[in-house]
């Protein structure tokens, strides 16, 4: 028995010793933990105090939301701007029986919101926890409400984009949706600049959103919304108005599908006007149809027709195949494969014979253009068309541009080679067409078209210059076009200015299948004064249905009216010497 007790005592002692050892280790670990905690707190409160102060400051940091910059035309007319509105909300959780009761709130707010107390009280008694009392109130009304200090009422600030000129230049400006951050037009391409704030003011707020003022806080800055940079366009609002009015009038008169007028300064690629019809009001873009919003002049392609003969003749001349005084055989009609091609005036001039280039432009000779194209190999012609920019985007600073359709020269057969010469072998955008002819109006140098005014530094990056043809070729084509207009009887002829221009008519292809519709594309492109081009104008009308459907009868009158008014607006110097009348 005594031995058994001794054994039990040894077991107890052993357990006690083990417990004391564990307790000692726990004590040591606790001491180490306490030391580590002290060191950590020391680093937080002494060594890293700046880091945690910055972190705390960032958690309390706030800033007023930025408004987008304004958009102006080249003369300082405001085309787009931000307007700040407020939404008024009531919170049921903050109602009480005194100053924040629905009855008191309705009584105080009704006169400010210009509504009846009864209708407001009915809204405030809604079962919703957050009640939309009134949306889109102005800044002054919001200030009056804020002065009431109603605990259950809050004001939610928001931006809306406004377009003071309504539908003017809608397809250039585009629109901006603040809620979804969706944009179009310049609102999209200039987004970074319009939203870039250089001196952004930051401050600290309490948990409830009140501003914490200290010696560094600017009370004026905290009450002011920072603003993005303004953007100035190359558009002239007066010229834009003229173009929109004239194209709308012609489209409606001819019951056409759509139309466009582009006006460019050929010396620097600046777009002075960009009229697209049908149009829409960007203030109410949600109510517009996709067809109205779409800038089809950049996205849709079409056969350019006889205006393309300018490019054909210029290409052959640049390659040395012809010169300004060359003649070409015009048989009136020809057959390629199973296709018979003839001039539009074949019944009047069945066999013109050897014609001058001036005659080719004046009478829009298809056969003459074909025979000139045949002086070039498919590769030579193709390479020249690529230099003029066909088959590639122009690089204009607007979204959605198409590259057009230009088949590679190895796929050309005799038919494509021939029809390419008078504008049927390729499909172009309206912007590609005006960009190509711009080179001829600018001593052979093609300049990137653009609608945004750039600083010299920005222009060096965004605006490219490419020598397409020699200055000699460009001047020869200009003289030939101006002479053809002056000797002809086209409506595009002007009394005071020599106009280098060409009309065009092309059949409208069917969509998603081969063949043509009964409708036509009618167009006119030209520049003036021919001696020193200052403006380049392109008019295109799609699917006119009333009267004679030709480039000269549909697009021509619009071209004449636009150039007449633009010359007056810009005060262009006439270059036509008036014919003196002899007195007998």
Protein backbone atom coordinates (compact mmCIF):
# COMPACT_ATOMS: atom_id res chain seq x y z
CA UNK A 1 0.00 0.00 0.00
CA UNK A 2 2.81 2.34 0.91
CA UNK A 3 4.48 1.66 -2.45
CA UNK A 4 1.27 2.36 -4.28
CA UNK A 5 0.94 5.75 -2.59
CA UNK A 6 4.53 6.60 -3.45
CA UNK A 7 3.86 5.72 -7.11
CA UNK A 8 0.77 7.93 -7.22
CA UNK A 9 2.75 10.78 -5.66
CA UNK A 10 5.41 10.47 -8.33
CA UNK A 11 2.75 10.63 -11.08
CA UNK A 12 1.21 13.75 -9.50
CA UNK A 13 4.62 15.38 -9.19
CA UNK A 14 5.38 14.59 -12.80
CA UNK A 15 2.10 16.13 -13.97
CA UNK A 16 2.71 19.17 -11.78
CA UNK A 17 6.15 19.61 -13.25
CA UNK A 18 4.78 19.33 -16.80
CA UNK A 19 2.06 21.89 -16.03
CA UNK A 20 4.63 24.27 -14.54
CA UNK A 21 6.69 23.92 -17.73
CA UNK A 22 3.71 24.68 -19.99
CA UNK A 23 2.77 27.62 -17.77
CA UNK A 24 6.32 28.95 -18.01
CA UNK A 25 6.21 28.77 -21.82
CA UNK A 26 2.83 30.50 -21.89
CA UNK A 27 4.23 33.20 -19.64
CA UNK A 28 7.20 33.66 -21.95
CA UNK A 29 4.93 33.79 -25.04
CA UNK A 30 2.69 36.35 -23.33
CA UNK A 31 5.75 38.48 -22.51
CA UNK A 32 6.93 38.24 -26.13
CA UNK A 33 3.45 39.11 -27.41
CA UNK A 34 3.30 42.13 -25.09
CA UNK A 35 6.74 43.28 -26.24
CA UNK A 36 5.78 42.82 -29.88
CA UNK A 37 2.55 44.76 -29.32
CA UNK A 38 4.46 47.58 -27.66
CA UNK A 39 6.94 47.68 -30.53
CA UNK A 40 4.08 47.64 -33.09
CA UNK A 41 2.30 50.49 -31.31
CA UNK A 42 5.60 52.35 -31.11
CA UNK A 43 6.02 52.09 -34.87
CA UNK A 44 2.42 53.15 -35.49
CA UNK A 45 2.42 56.10 -33.11
CA UNK A 46 6.03 57.24 -33.46
CA UNK A 47 7.89 55.81 -36.45
CA UNK A 48 5.05 55.42 -39.07
CA UNK A 49 2.79 58.17 -37.81
CA UNK A 50 2.84 60.02 -41.17
CA UNK A 51 1.77 56.90 -43.07
CA UNK A 52 -1.28 56.33 -40.90
CA UNK A 53 -2.17 60.00 -40.84
CA UNK A 54 -2.23 59.92 -44.65
CA UNK A 55 -4.33 56.74 -44.58
CA UNK A 56 -6.81 58.31 -42.19
CA UNK A 57 -6.89 61.47 -44.28
CA UNK A 58 -7.58 59.45 -47.43
CA UNK A 59 -10.48 57.72 -45.70
CA UNK A 60 -11.97 61.12 -44.96
CA UNK A 61 -10.99 62.57 -48.35
CA UNK A 62 -13.65 64.01 -50.59
CA UNK A 63 -13.91 66.14 -53.69
CA UNK A 64 -16.62 67.80 -55.69
CA UNK A 65 -17.54 65.97 -58.88
CA UNK A 66 -16.08 67.54 -62.01
CA UNK A 67 -18.16 69.04 -64.79
CA UNK A 68 -17.12 68.47 -68.39
CA UNK A 69 -15.53 71.25 -70.36
CA UNK A 70 -17.55 73.29 -72.83
CA UNK A 71 -17.42 72.87 -76.62
CA UNK A 72 -17.25 75.97 -78.83
CA UNK A 73 -17.28 76.66 -82.54
CA UNK A 74 -14.25 78.40 -84.09
CA UNK A 75 -15.75 81.84 -83.32
CA UNK A 76 -16.52 81.18 -79.66
CA UNK A 77 -20.18 80.21 -79.96
CA UNK A 78 -21.02 77.70 -77.24
CA UNK A 79 -22.23 74.38 -78.66
CA UNK A 80 -22.17 72.13 -75.58
CA UNK A 81 -22.01 72.75 -71.84
CA UNK A 82 -22.73 71.14 -68.47
CA UNK A 83 -25.63 72.15 -66.27
CA UNK A 84 -25.86 71.11 -62.63
CA UNK A 85 -29.21 69.96 -61.29
CA UNK A 86 -30.35 68.49 -57.99
CA UNK A 87 -32.75 65.75 -56.99
CA UNK A 88 -34.69 66.12 -53.74
CA UNK A 89 -35.18 63.00 -51.59
CA UNK A 90 -36.96 62.33 -48.30
CA UNK A 91 -35.87 59.62 -45.83
CA UNK A 92 -38.71 58.07 -43.82
CA UNK A 93 -36.27 56.92 -41.13
CA UNK A 94 -35.55 60.57 -40.25
CA UNK A 95 -39.18 61.63 -39.84
CA UNK A 96 -40.22 62.82 -36.34
CA UNK A 97 -43.18 64.56 -34.81
CA UNK A 98 -41.66 68.03 -34.83
CA UNK A 99 -39.65 69.86 -37.50
CA UNK A 100 -39.18 66.76 -39.69
CA UNK A 101 -42.74 65.54 -39.83
CA UNK A 102 -44.28 65.10 -43.30
CA UNK A 103 -46.77 67.89 -42.59
CA UNK A 104 -44.07 70.41 -41.67
CA UNK A 105 -41.84 69.38 -44.58
CA UNK A 106 -44.72 69.68 -47.08
CA UNK A 107 -45.65 73.11 -45.74
CA UNK A 108 -42.08 74.42 -46.07
CA UNK A 109 -41.18 72.82 -49.39
CA UNK A 110 -44.41 73.39 -51.36
CA UNK A 111 -43.79 77.13 -52.06
CA UNK A 112 -40.16 76.51 -53.03
CA UNK A 113 -40.98 73.59 -55.34
CA UNK A 114 -44.02 75.46 -56.70
CA UNK A 115 -46.42 72.63 -56.00
CA UNK A 116 -49.45 72.15 -53.76
CA UNK A 117 -48.99 71.14 -50.13
CA UNK A 118 -51.55 68.34 -50.54
CA UNK A 119 -49.82 66.63 -53.46
CA UNK A 120 -46.45 66.94 -51.74
CA UNK A 121 -47.79 65.53 -48.48
CA UNK A 122 -49.26 62.57 -50.36
CA UNK A 123 -45.84 61.86 -51.85
CA UNK A 124 -44.08 62.24 -48.49
CA UNK A 125 -46.46 59.70 -46.92
CA UNK A 126 -45.38 57.05 -49.38
CA UNK A 127 -44.42 53.70 -47.90
CA UNK A 128 -40.97 53.80 -49.53
CA UNK A 129 -37.99 54.32 -47.27
CA UNK A 130 -36.37 56.71 -49.79
CA UNK A 131 -38.87 59.00 -51.50
CA UNK A 132 -38.06 60.96 -54.68
CA UNK A 133 -39.67 64.31 -53.93
CA UNK A 134 -38.57 66.32 -56.98
CA UNK A 135 -36.02 65.80 -59.75
CA UNK A 136 -33.92 68.24 -61.77
CA UNK A 137 -34.28 71.39 -59.71
CA UNK A 138 -31.83 74.23 -60.33
CA UNK A 139 -29.03 75.47 -58.09
CA UNK A 140 -30.97 78.43 -56.63
CA UNK A 141 -33.90 76.23 -55.66
CA UNK A 142 -31.50 73.76 -54.05
CA UNK A 143 -29.93 76.57 -52.00
CA UNK A 144 -33.35 77.64 -50.69
CA UNK A 145 -34.09 74.06 -49.61
CA UNK A 146 -30.67 73.68 -47.96
CA UNK A 147 -31.33 76.81 -45.84
CA UNK A 148 -34.31 75.06 -44.23
CA UNK A 149 -32.00 72.44 -42.59
CA UNK A 150 -34.64 69.72 -42.84
CA UNK A 151 -33.08 66.57 -41.37
CA UNK A 152 -35.25 64.19 -43.42
CA UNK A 153 -34.51 65.93 -46.75
CA UNK A 154 -31.37 65.37 -48.80
CA UNK A 155 -30.17 66.86 -52.08
CA UNK A 156 -28.45 64.73 -54.70
CA UNK A 157 -26.35 66.73 -57.15
CA UNK A 158 -26.07 65.61 -60.77
CA UNK A 159 -24.84 66.86 -64.13
CA UNK A 160 -26.71 67.06 -67.41
CA UNK A 161 -25.18 67.87 -70.78
CA UNK A 162 -26.89 70.65 -72.72
CA UNK A 163 -26.59 71.77 -76.33
CA UNK A 164 -27.63 75.45 -76.52
CA UNK A 165 -27.85 75.47 -80.35
CA UNK A 166 -30.26 72.53 -80.51
CA UNK A 167 -29.79 70.36 -83.60
CA UNK A 168 -26.88 72.41 -84.97
CA UNK A 169 -23.87 70.18 -85.72
CA UNK A 170 -25.49 67.26 -83.90
CA UNK A 171 -23.48 64.57 -85.68
CA UNK A 172 -20.20 66.33 -84.92
CA UNK A 173 -20.96 67.04 -81.27
CA UNK A 174 -22.64 63.70 -80.60
CA UNK A 175 -24.14 63.38 -77.11
CA UNK A 176 -23.14 62.40 -73.59
CA UNK A 177 -25.04 60.24 -71.09
CA UNK A 178 -23.77 60.90 -67.55
CA UNK A 179 -25.61 57.98 -66.01
CA UNK A 180 -24.13 55.33 -68.32
CA UNK A 181 -20.96 57.24 -69.30
CA UNK A 182 -21.82 56.75 -72.98
CA UNK A 183 -20.78 59.27 -75.61
CA UNK A 184 -20.71 59.84 -79.35
CA UNK A 185 -19.11 62.33 -81.73
CA UNK A 186 -16.61 64.83 -80.31
CA UNK A 187 -18.07 64.11 -76.88
CA UNK A 188 -16.43 60.70 -77.31
CA UNK A 189 -13.20 61.50 -79.15
CA UNK A 190 -12.37 64.48 -76.90
CA UNK A 191 -13.56 62.75 -73.69
CA UNK A 192 -10.15 62.77 -72.00
CA UNK A 193 -9.68 66.49 -72.55
CA UNK A 194 -13.25 67.44 -71.64
CA UNK A 195 -12.92 65.55 -68.33
CA UNK A 196 -9.32 66.50 -67.54
CA UNK A 197 -9.12 68.70 -64.41
CA UNK A 198 -5.73 70.34 -63.94
CA UNK A 199 -6.08 71.74 -60.39
CA UNK A 200 -8.34 69.30 -58.59
CA UNK A 201 -9.32 70.47 -55.10
CA UNK A 202 -9.51 67.80 -52.40
CA UNK A 203 -10.73 68.15 -48.82
CA UNK A 204 -11.83 65.99 -45.87
CA UNK A 205 -15.34 65.07 -44.77
CA UNK A 206 -16.83 63.70 -41.58
CA UNK A 207 -18.67 60.38 -41.51
CA UNK A 208 -21.91 62.29 -42.19
CA UNK A 209 -20.42 64.03 -45.19
CA UNK A 210 -19.72 67.46 -43.70
CA UNK A 211 -16.54 69.24 -44.78
CA UNK A 212 -13.71 69.41 -42.22
CA UNK A 213 -12.22 72.89 -42.41
CA UNK A 214 -8.64 73.63 -41.41
CA UNK A 215 -6.14 76.37 -42.26
CA UNK A 216 -5.44 74.84 -45.69
CA UNK A 217 -9.09 74.46 -46.74
CA UNK A 218 -10.29 76.93 -49.35
CA UNK A 219 -14.00 77.53 -48.61
CA UNK A 220 -14.61 78.89 -52.11
CA UNK A 221 -12.97 75.91 -53.81
CA UNK A 222 -15.00 73.40 -51.76
CA UNK A 223 -18.21 75.00 -53.00
CA UNK A 224 -17.10 75.05 -56.65
CA UNK A 225 -17.25 72.14 -59.06
CA UNK A 226 -13.92 71.56 -60.86
CA UNK A 227 -14.22 71.77 -64.61
CA UNK A 228 -12.59 69.89 -67.47
CA UNK A 229 -10.84 71.62 -70.35
CA UNK A 230 -12.82 73.36 -73.07
CA UNK A 231 -12.65 72.16 -76.67
CA UNK A 232 -12.85 74.44 -79.71
CA UNK A 233 -14.01 73.02 -83.02
CA UNK A 234 -13.05 74.02 -86.55
CA UNK A 235 -16.77 74.33 -87.33
CA UNK A 236 -18.15 77.75 -88.20
CA UNK A 237 -21.70 77.92 -86.81
CA UNK A 238 -22.87 80.34 -89.53
CA UNK A 239 -21.60 78.10 -92.34
CA UNK A 240 -22.95 75.03 -90.55
CA UNK A 241 -26.41 76.62 -90.38
CA UNK A 242 -26.36 77.41 -94.11
CA UNK A 243 -25.38 73.85 -95.02
CA UNK A 244 -27.97 72.23 -92.75
CA UNK A 245 -30.72 74.48 -94.10
CA UNK A 246 -29.85 73.88 -97.77
CA UNK A 247 -29.44 70.10 -97.57
CA UNK A 248 -32.65 69.71 -95.56
CA UNK A 249 -34.55 71.77 -98.13
CA UNK A 250 -33.27 69.71 -101.07
CA UNK A 251 -33.82 66.32 -99.39
CA UNK A 252 -37.39 67.28 -98.54
CA UNK A 253 -38.05 68.78 -101.98
CA UNK A 254 -36.76 65.70 -103.80
CA UNK A 255 -38.23 63.28 -101.22
CA UNK A 256 -34.76 61.79 -100.86
CA UNK A 257 -33.60 59.36 -98.19
CA UNK A 258 -30.75 61.46 -96.82
CA UNK A 259 -28.05 63.97 -97.74
CA UNK A 260 -24.86 65.65 -96.60
CA UNK A 261 -22.83 68.81 -97.17
CA UNK A 262 -19.17 69.00 -96.14
CA UNK A 263 -17.18 72.24 -96.26
CA UNK A 264 -13.41 72.11 -95.73
CA UNK A 265 -10.51 74.50 -95.76
CA UNK A 266 -8.32 72.60 -98.26
CA UNK A 267 -5.12 74.25 -97.03
CA UNK A 268 -5.19 72.72 -93.53
CA UNK A 269 -7.92 70.04 -93.52
CA UNK A 270 -10.19 71.92 -91.11
CA UNK A 271 -13.89 71.08 -91.51
CA UNK A 272 -15.85 74.34 -91.54
CA UNK A 273 -19.25 72.65 -91.78
CA UNK A 274 -20.48 69.09 -91.54
CA UNK A 275 -24.21 68.83 -92.26
CA UNK A 276 -25.85 65.40 -92.06
CA UNK A 277 -29.55 64.90 -92.78
CA UNK A 278 -31.70 63.53 -91.20
CA UNK A 279 -30.54 65.07 -87.95
CA UNK A 280 -31.62 65.01 -84.30
CA UNK A 281 -31.53 67.11 -81.14
CA UNK A 282 -28.72 65.89 -78.83
CA UNK A 283 -30.64 67.39 -75.90
CA UNK A 284 -33.25 64.68 -76.52
CA UNK A 285 -31.12 61.99 -78.16
CA UNK A 286 -33.11 59.22 -76.44
CA UNK A 287 -36.09 60.17 -78.60
CA UNK A 288 -34.10 59.98 -81.87
CA UNK A 289 -34.12 56.93 -84.12
CA UNK A 290 -30.90 55.01 -84.89
CA UNK A 291 -31.09 56.31 -88.47
CA UNK A 292 -31.13 59.91 -87.20
CA UNK A 293 -28.23 59.44 -84.77
CA UNK A 294 -26.02 57.46 -87.15
CA UNK A 295 -23.32 59.46 -88.92
CA UNK A 296 -23.66 57.49 -92.13
CA UNK A 297 -21.22 59.77 -93.97
CA UNK A 298 -18.44 58.00 -92.05
CA UNK A 299 -19.83 54.49 -91.78
CA UNK A 300 -21.69 53.83 -95.06
CA UNK A 301 -20.01 53.39 -98.44
CA UNK A 302 -21.30 54.04 -101.95
CA UNK A 303 -20.02 54.15 -105.55
CA UNK A 304 -18.88 57.77 -106.06
CA UNK A 305 -19.79 57.93 -109.76
CA UNK A 306 -18.37 60.55 -112.11
CA UNK A 307 -16.75 62.68 -109.41
CA UNK A 308 -14.16 59.86 -109.35
CA UNK A 309 -13.04 60.79 -112.87
CA UNK A 310 -11.08 63.61 -111.24
CA UNK A 311 -8.97 60.98 -109.44
CA UNK A 312 -8.56 58.83 -112.57
CA UNK A 313 -7.24 61.69 -114.71
CA UNK A 314 -5.01 63.00 -111.89
CA UNK A 315 -3.52 59.50 -111.35
CA UNK A 316 -2.65 59.02 -115.02
CA UNK A 317 -1.23 62.52 -115.24
CA UNK A 318 0.95 61.99 -112.16
CA UNK A 319 2.30 58.76 -113.65
CA UNK A 320 3.23 60.59 -116.87
CA UNK A 321 0.72 58.70 -119.04
CA UNK A 322 -1.02 61.93 -120.11
CA UNK A 323 -0.57 65.67 -119.72
CA UNK A 324 -2.84 68.69 -119.56
CA UNK A 325 -2.98 68.94 -123.36
CA UNK A 326 -3.52 65.25 -124.09
CA UNK A 327 -6.48 63.95 -126.08
CA UNK A 328 -8.18 60.59 -125.68
CA UNK A 329 -10.39 58.57 -128.00
CA UNK A 330 -14.08 58.62 -127.06
CA UNK A 331 -16.13 56.18 -129.16
CA UNK A 332 -19.32 56.92 -127.24
CA UNK A 333 -19.72 53.30 -126.15
CA UNK A 334 -17.71 50.12 -125.66
CA UNK A 335 -18.26 46.47 -124.76
CA UNK A 336 -16.35 44.66 -122.02
CA UNK A 337 -17.27 41.01 -121.76
CA UNK A 338 -21.07 40.94 -121.87
CA UNK A 339 -21.35 44.51 -120.62
CA UNK A 340 -22.06 47.46 -122.87
CA UNK A 341 -20.90 50.77 -121.41
CA UNK A 342 -21.86 54.11 -122.95
CA UNK A 343 -21.76 57.78 -122.18
CA UNK A 344 -24.81 59.31 -120.56
CA UNK A 345 -25.22 61.64 -123.58
CA UNK A 346 -24.62 58.93 -126.21
CA UNK A 347 -27.87 59.76 -127.99
CA UNK A 348 -26.71 63.36 -128.50
CA UNK A 349 -22.97 62.71 -129.04
CA UNK A 350 -22.71 59.11 -130.30
CA UNK A 351 -19.05 59.33 -131.39
CA UNK A 352 -17.15 62.35 -130.03
CA UNK A 353 -13.82 61.06 -131.39
CA UNK A 354 -10.58 62.37 -129.89
CA UNK A 355 -11.54 64.62 -126.99
CA UNK A 356 -9.58 66.94 -124.72
CA UNK A 357 -9.47 66.41 -120.96
CA UNK A 358 -11.55 69.55 -120.56
CA UNK A 359 -14.23 67.98 -122.78
CA UNK A 360 -13.99 64.75 -120.75
CA UNK A 361 -14.84 66.66 -117.55
CA UNK A 362 -17.46 68.91 -119.13
CA UNK A 363 -19.35 66.03 -120.78
CA UNK A 364 -18.46 63.48 -118.08
CA UNK A 365 -17.20 60.98 -120.64
CA UNK A 366 -17.25 57.40 -119.33
CA UNK A 367 -15.44 56.04 -122.41
CA UNK A 368 -12.77 58.73 -122.16
CA UNK A 369 -12.19 57.85 -118.49
CA UNK A 370 -11.95 54.13 -119.35
CA UNK A 371 -9.34 54.74 -122.02
CA UNK A 372 -7.30 56.89 -119.65
CA UNK A 373 -7.49 54.17 -116.97
CA UNK A 374 -6.19 51.66 -119.54
CA UNK A 375 -2.96 53.65 -119.85
CA UNK A 376 -2.21 52.50 -116.30
CA UNK A 377 -1.65 48.92 -115.19
CA UNK A 378 -3.97 47.67 -112.41
CA UNK A 379 -1.09 47.96 -109.93
CA UNK A 380 -0.21 51.50 -111.02
CA UNK A 381 -3.83 52.64 -110.75
CA UNK A 382 -4.33 50.84 -107.44
CA UNK A 383 -1.19 52.37 -105.92
CA UNK A 384 -2.33 55.85 -106.89
CA UNK A 385 -5.78 55.28 -105.39
CA UNK A 386 -4.14 54.17 -102.13
CA UNK A 387 -2.07 57.36 -102.11
CA UNK A 388 -5.29 59.35 -102.44
CA UNK A 389 -6.53 57.53 -99.33
CA UNK A 390 -9.08 55.12 -100.79
CA UNK A 391 -9.35 51.79 -98.99
CA UNK A 392 -8.09 53.43 -95.76
CA UNK A 393 -9.55 55.55 -92.99
CA UNK A 394 -8.92 59.28 -93.33
CA UNK A 395 -8.11 59.59 -89.63
CA UNK A 396 -10.76 62.22 -88.92
CA UNK A 397 -11.28 62.84 -85.19
CA UNK A 398 -14.78 61.33 -85.09
CA UNK A 399 -15.74 57.75 -84.15
CA UNK A 400 -17.03 54.99 -86.41
CA UNK A 401 -15.12 55.69 -89.62
CA UNK A 402 -15.11 53.00 -92.33
CA UNK A 403 -12.14 52.14 -94.55
CA UNK A 404 -14.32 51.91 -97.66
CA UNK A 405 -13.97 49.12 -100.25
CA UNK A 406 -11.07 49.03 -102.69
CA UNK A 407 -10.36 45.57 -104.19
CA UNK A 408 -6.69 44.59 -104.38
CA UNK A 409 -5.29 45.01 -107.89
CA UNK A 410 -4.54 41.30 -108.34
CA UNK A 411 -8.32 40.68 -108.26
CA UNK A 412 -9.07 43.23 -110.97
CA UNK A 413 -10.41 41.98 -114.26
CA UNK A 414 -11.07 44.10 -117.34
CA UNK A 415 -14.50 45.04 -116.01
CA UNK A 416 -13.26 46.28 -112.62
CA UNK A 417 -10.37 48.14 -114.25
CA UNK A 418 -12.75 49.90 -116.62
CA UNK A 419 -15.56 50.72 -114.15
CA UNK A 420 -13.03 51.89 -111.56
CA UNK A 421 -12.26 54.79 -113.88
CA UNK A 422 -15.71 56.34 -113.56
CA UNK A 423 -16.48 55.49 -109.96
CA UNK A 424 -18.12 52.06 -109.91
CA UNK A 425 -15.27 49.67 -109.12
CA UNK A 426 -14.84 51.00 -105.61
CA UNK A 427 -17.06 52.14 -102.74
CA UNK A 428 -16.11 55.18 -100.67
CA UNK A 429 -17.31 57.23 -97.74
CA UNK A 430 -18.21 60.89 -98.16
CA UNK A 431 -15.22 61.80 -95.98
CA UNK A 432 -12.82 59.77 -98.16
CA UNK A 433 -14.06 61.54 -101.28
CA UNK A 434 -13.58 65.07 -99.95
CA UNK A 435 -10.23 64.11 -98.43
CA UNK A 436 -8.94 62.83 -101.80
CA UNK A 437 -9.99 65.92 -103.77
CA UNK A 438 -8.58 68.15 -101.00
CA UNK A 439 -5.07 67.12 -102.07
CA UNK A 440 -5.69 68.53 -105.56
CA UNK A 441 -6.87 71.82 -104.06
CA UNK A 442 -3.74 72.01 -101.89
CA UNK A 443 -0.82 71.68 -104.31
CA UNK A 444 -1.03 67.88 -104.20
CA UNK A 445 -0.72 67.57 -100.39
CA UNK A 446 -3.39 65.59 -98.55
CA UNK A 447 -4.04 66.73 -94.97
CA UNK A 448 -5.86 64.73 -92.30
CA UNK A 449 -9.42 66.13 -92.07
CA UNK A 450 -10.37 67.22 -88.56
CA UNK A 451 -13.17 68.95 -86.65
CA UNK A 452 -11.20 69.84 -83.48
CA UNK A 453 -8.92 72.89 -83.32
CA UNK A 454 -5.51 71.72 -82.15
CA UNK A 455 -2.56 73.49 -80.62
CA UNK A 456 0.61 73.44 -82.76
CA UNK A 457 1.98 70.61 -80.59
CA UNK A 458 -1.21 68.54 -80.90
CA UNK A 459 -1.50 69.22 -84.63
CA UNK A 460 2.02 67.89 -85.23
CA UNK A 461 0.84 64.53 -83.87
CA UNK A 462 -2.77 64.31 -85.02
CA UNK A 463 -2.70 66.01 -88.43
CA UNK A 464 -0.62 64.29 -91.10
CA UNK A 465 0.45 65.73 -94.45
CA UNK A 466 1.10 63.46 -97.46
CA UNK A 467 2.31 64.48 -100.90
CA UNK A 468 -0.10 62.56 -103.17
CA UNK A 469 0.69 64.18 -106.53
CA UNK A 470 3.03 66.93 -107.61
CA UNK A 471 1.94 70.54 -107.40
CA UNK A 472 2.12 70.66 -111.22
CA UNK A 473 -0.41 67.82 -111.54
CA UNK A 474 -2.71 69.40 -108.95
CA UNK A 475 -2.63 72.77 -110.74
CA UNK A 476 -3.28 71.16 -114.14
CA UNK A 477 -6.35 69.30 -112.83
CA UNK A 478 -7.60 72.51 -111.23
CA UNK A 479 -7.30 74.43 -114.49
CA UNK A 480 -9.05 71.67 -116.45
CA UNK A 481 -11.96 71.45 -113.98
CA UNK A 482 -12.42 75.23 -113.81
CA UNK A 483 -12.32 75.55 -117.58
CA UNK A 484 -14.86 72.73 -117.99
CA UNK A 485 -17.24 74.47 -115.57
CA UNK A 486 -16.81 77.88 -117.20
CA UNK A 487 -17.39 76.52 -120.72
CA UNK A 488 -20.35 74.41 -119.70
CA UNK A 489 -23.87 75.28 -118.66
CA UNK A 490 -23.87 73.65 -115.24
CA UNK A 491 -25.71 75.22 -112.33
CA UNK A 492 -22.47 75.08 -110.33
CA UNK A 493 -20.93 77.90 -112.41
CA UNK A 494 -20.49 81.17 -110.47
CA UNK A 495 -20.30 84.77 -111.65
CA UNK A 496 -17.47 85.97 -109.41
CA UNK A 497 -15.37 82.86 -108.90
CA UNK A 498 -13.67 80.25 -111.02
CA UNK A 499 -14.91 76.93 -109.66
CA UNK A 500 -12.95 73.70 -110.09
CA UNK A 501 -15.72 71.15 -109.72
CA UNK A 502 -17.33 67.97 -111.03
CA UNK A 503 -20.80 66.47 -110.66
CA UNK A 504 -21.55 62.77 -110.35
CA UNK A 505 -24.43 60.32 -110.51
CA UNK A 506 -24.25 56.63 -109.61
CA UNK A 507 -26.76 53.83 -109.28
CA UNK A 508 -27.43 52.63 -105.77
CA UNK A 509 -26.43 48.98 -105.20
CA UNK A 510 -28.74 46.54 -103.45
CA UNK A 511 -27.81 45.59 -99.91
CA UNK A 512 -26.51 42.06 -99.23
CA UNK A 513 -26.95 40.97 -102.84
CA UNK A 514 -25.80 41.80 -106.35
CA UNK A 515 -27.49 44.23 -108.69
CA UNK A 516 -28.79 47.77 -108.37
CA UNK A 517 -31.87 49.47 -106.96
CA UNK A 518 -33.90 52.00 -109.00
CA UNK A 519 -32.37 54.83 -106.93
CA UNK A 520 -29.36 57.08 -107.44
CA UNK A 521 -26.57 58.79 -105.51
CA UNK A 522 -26.17 62.33 -106.80
CA UNK A 523 -23.15 64.43 -105.89
CA UNK A 524 -21.07 67.51 -106.62
CA UNK A 525 -17.55 68.26 -105.39
CA UNK A 526 -15.44 71.33 -106.05
CA UNK A 527 -13.32 74.15 -104.69
CA UNK A 528 -12.93 77.88 -105.14
CA UNK A 529 -11.53 80.35 -105.97
CA UNK A 530 -9.71 78.07 -108.40
CA UNK A 531 -6.73 80.46 -108.50
CA UNK A 532 -6.22 80.11 -104.73
CA UNK A 533 -8.64 77.57 -103.21
CA UNK A 534 -10.08 78.64 -99.84
CA UNK A 535 -13.08 76.32 -99.54
CA UNK A 536 -13.81 72.79 -100.73
CA UNK A 537 -17.44 71.67 -100.80
CA UNK A 538 -18.92 68.21 -101.23
CA UNK A 539 -22.67 67.62 -101.58
CA UNK A 540 -24.25 64.18 -101.79
CA UNK A 541 -27.95 63.28 -101.88
CA UNK A 542 -29.11 59.68 -101.57
CA UNK A 543 -32.18 58.37 -103.40
CA UNK A 544 -33.91 61.49 -104.70
CA UNK A 545 -37.34 60.58 -106.10
CA UNK A 546 -38.75 63.76 -107.65
CA UNK A 547 -37.80 65.39 -110.95
CA UNK A 548 -34.60 64.84 -112.96
CA UNK A 549 -32.18 62.81 -110.85
CA UNK A 550 -28.64 63.92 -111.75
CA UNK A 551 -25.70 65.33 -109.86
CA UNK A 552 -26.21 68.63 -111.67
CA UNK A 553 -29.93 68.86 -110.90
CA UNK A 554 -30.02 67.60 -107.29
CA UNK A 555 -26.63 68.16 -105.64
CA UNK A 556 -25.61 71.00 -107.99
CA UNK A 557 -28.12 73.62 -106.76
CA UNK A 558 -27.15 72.91 -103.14
CA UNK A 559 -23.47 73.28 -104.06
CA UNK A 560 -24.15 76.62 -105.78
CA UNK A 561 -26.18 78.05 -102.90
CA UNK A 562 -23.72 76.89 -100.23
CA UNK A 563 -20.64 78.21 -102.06
CA UNK A 564 -22.37 81.54 -102.72
CA UNK A 565 -23.25 82.05 -99.07
CA UNK A 566 -19.96 80.72 -97.71
CA UNK A 567 -18.01 83.04 -100.03
CA UNK A 568 -20.04 85.93 -98.61
CA UNK A 569 -19.56 84.83 -94.98
CA UNK A 570 -15.79 84.44 -95.43
CA UNK A 571 -15.55 87.51 -97.68
CA UNK A 572 -13.59 85.60 -100.33
CA UNK A 573 -11.84 87.67 -102.96
CA UNK A 574 -13.31 87.05 -106.46
CA UNK A 575 -10.91 85.69 -109.09
CA UNK A 576 -13.12 86.08 -112.16
CA UNK A 577 -12.56 89.15 -114.28
CA UNK A 578 -15.96 90.52 -115.32
CA UNK A 579 -16.52 90.80 -119.06
CA UNK A 580 -16.75 94.47 -120.00
CA UNK A 581 -19.71 95.50 -122.10
CA UNK A 582 -18.95 97.44 -125.26
CA UNK A 583 -21.08 100.53 -125.73
CA UNK A 584 -21.93 101.24 -129.40
